[in-house]
Amino acid sequence: MVRAGRRNALVLRCECDGHSILLLPALGRDGQEALMRRHPELRAEIVVAGLPARDEPLCDPLLEMLQPG
């Protein structure tokens, strides 16, 4: 679980038929940075992300870390 501001956000990762899938809520930049700090080994072939009200959907450092295919 990643804390983004005052809200808690649930990030889910699963394996389906040999493919890793990551489901992200609409995390702002602070939430994305918290996720990267807490789980630097996180990778996913498929990323499904919500769109935050402000900020970019997924920052470049997070995409580089996840290495989606």
C-alpha atoms as a PDB file:
ATOM      1  CA  MET A   1       0.000   0.000   0.000  1.00  0.00           C
ATOM      2  CA  VAL A   2       1.303   3.453  -0.889  1.00  0.00           C
ATOM      3  CA  ARG A   3       0.321   6.560   1.004  1.00  0.00           C
ATOM      4  CA  ALA A   4      -0.348   9.482  -1.336  1.00  0.00           C
ATOM      5  CA  GLY A   5      -0.972  12.647   0.604  1.00  0.00           C
ATOM      6  CA  ARG A   6      -3.741  11.911   3.107  1.00  0.00           C
ATOM      7  CA  ARG A   7      -5.244   9.057   1.114  1.00  0.00           C
ATOM      8  CA  ASN A   8      -4.224   5.434   1.031  1.00  0.00           C
ATOM      9  CA  ALA A   9      -3.872   3.901  -2.397  1.00  0.00           C
ATOM     10  CA  LEU A  10      -3.976   0.207  -3.189  1.00  0.00           C
ATOM     11  CA  VAL A  11      -1.626  -1.014  -5.917  1.00  0.00           C
ATOM     12  CA  LEU A  12      -2.214  -4.542  -7.191  1.00  0.00           C
ATOM     13  CA  ARG A  13       0.189  -6.794  -9.081  1.00  0.00           C
ATOM     14  CA  CYS A  14      -0.754 -10.203 -10.400  1.00  0.00           C
ATOM     15  CA  GLU A  15       0.476 -12.906 -12.740  1.00  0.00           C
ATOM     16  CA  CYS A  16      -1.898 -14.114 -15.454  1.00  0.00           C
ATOM     17  CA  ASP A  17      -0.847 -16.769 -17.970  1.00  0.00           C
ATOM     18  CA  GLY A  18       2.796 -15.903 -17.342  1.00  0.00           C
ATOM     19  CA  HIS A  19       2.330 -12.137 -17.737  1.00  0.00           C
ATOM     20  CA  SER A  20       2.752  -9.625 -14.913  1.00  0.00           C
ATOM     21  CA  ILE A  21       0.008  -7.012 -14.607  1.00  0.00           C
ATOM     22  CA  LEU A  22       0.119  -3.925 -12.400  1.00  0.00           C
ATOM     23  CA  LEU A  23      -3.050  -2.015 -11.517  1.00  0.00           C
ATOM     24  CA  LEU A  24      -2.403   1.518 -10.291  1.00  0.00           C
ATOM     25  CA  PRO A  25      -4.923   4.050  -9.006  1.00  0.00           C
ATOM     26  CA  ALA A  26      -4.659   7.691 -10.035  1.00  0.00           C
ATOM     27  CA  LEU A  27      -1.387   8.304  -8.197  1.00  0.00           C
ATOM     28  CA  GLY A  28       0.069  11.786  -8.256  1.00  0.00           C
ATOM     29  CA  ARG A  29       3.798  12.313  -8.441  1.00  0.00           C
ATOM     30  CA  ASP A  30       4.214  11.924  -4.652  1.00  0.00           C
ATOM     31  CA  GLY A  31       2.457   8.550  -4.691  1.00  0.00           C
ATOM     32  CA  GLN A  32       4.535   7.358  -7.647  1.00  0.00           C
ATOM     33  CA  GLU A  33       7.746   8.374  -5.904  1.00  0.00           C
ATOM     34  CA  ALA A  34       6.643   6.582  -2.725  1.00  0.00           C
ATOM     35  CA  LEU A  35       5.938   3.432  -4.762  1.00  0.00           C
ATOM     36  CA  MET A  36       9.399   3.588  -6.372  1.00  0.00           C
ATOM     37  CA  ARG A  37      11.119   4.090  -2.992  1.00  0.00           C
ATOM     38  CA  ARG A  38       9.263   1.252  -1.276  1.00  0.00           C
ATOM     39  CA  HIS A  39       9.395  -1.272  -4.131  1.00  0.00           C
ATOM     40  CA  PRO A  40      12.455  -0.575  -6.331  1.00  0.00           C
ATOM     41  CA  GLU A  41      12.358  -4.163  -7.648  1.00  0.00           C
ATOM     42  CA  LEU A  42       8.794  -3.799  -8.998  1.00  0.00           C
ATOM     43  CA  ARG A  43       8.385  -4.782 -12.671  1.00  0.00           C
ATOM     44  CA  ALA A  44       5.306  -5.337 -14.844  1.00  0.00           C
ATOM     45  CA  GLU A  45       4.711  -6.183 -18.478  1.00  0.00           C
ATOM     46  CA  ILE A  46       1.257  -4.576 -18.473  1.00  0.00           C
ATOM     47  CA  VAL A  47       0.418  -1.415 -16.523  1.00  0.00           C
ATOM     48  CA  VAL A  48      -3.147  -0.150 -16.106  1.00  0.00           C
ATOM     49  CA  ALA A  49      -3.216   3.278 -14.462  1.00  0.00           C
ATOM     50  CA  GLY A  50      -5.878   5.737 -13.435  1.00  0.00           C
ATOM     51  CA  LEU A  51      -5.555   9.351 -14.505  1.00  0.00           C
ATOM     52  CA  PRO A  52      -4.837  11.823 -11.696  1.00  0.00           C
ATOM     53  CA  ALA A  53      -6.664  15.166 -11.586  1.00  0.00           C
ATOM     54  CA  ARG A  54      -3.295  16.914 -11.900  1.00  0.00           C
ATOM     55  CA  ASP A  55       0.238  15.773 -12.690  1.00  0.00           C
ATOM     56  CA  GLU A  56       1.111  13.346 -15.430  1.00  0.00           C
ATOM     57  CA  PRO A  57      -0.434   9.840 -15.424  1.00  0.00           C
ATOM     58  CA  LEU A  58       2.904   8.006 -15.034  1.00  0.00           C
ATOM     59  CA  CYS A  59       6.234   9.727 -14.612  1.00  0.00           C
ATOM     60  CA  ASP A  60       9.163   8.638 -16.782  1.00  0.00           C
ATOM     61  CA  PRO A  61      11.235   7.262 -13.856  1.00  0.00           C
ATOM     62  CA  LEU A  62       8.346   4.969 -12.846  1.00  0.00           C
ATOM     63  CA  LEU A  63       7.920   3.705 -16.409  1.00  0.00           C
ATOM     64  CA  GLU A  64      11.663   3.065 -16.673  1.00  0.00           C
ATOM     65  CA  MET A  65      11.598   1.134 -13.402  1.00  0.00           C
ATOM     66  CA  LEU A  66       8.551  -0.976 -14.333  1.00  0.00           C
ATOM     67  CA  GLN A  67       9.907  -1.827 -17.812  1.00  0.00           C
ATOM     68  CA  PRO A  68       6.499  -2.570 -19.398  1.00  0.00           C
ATOM     69  CA  GLY A  69       6.633  -4.526 -22.622  1.00  0.00           C
END
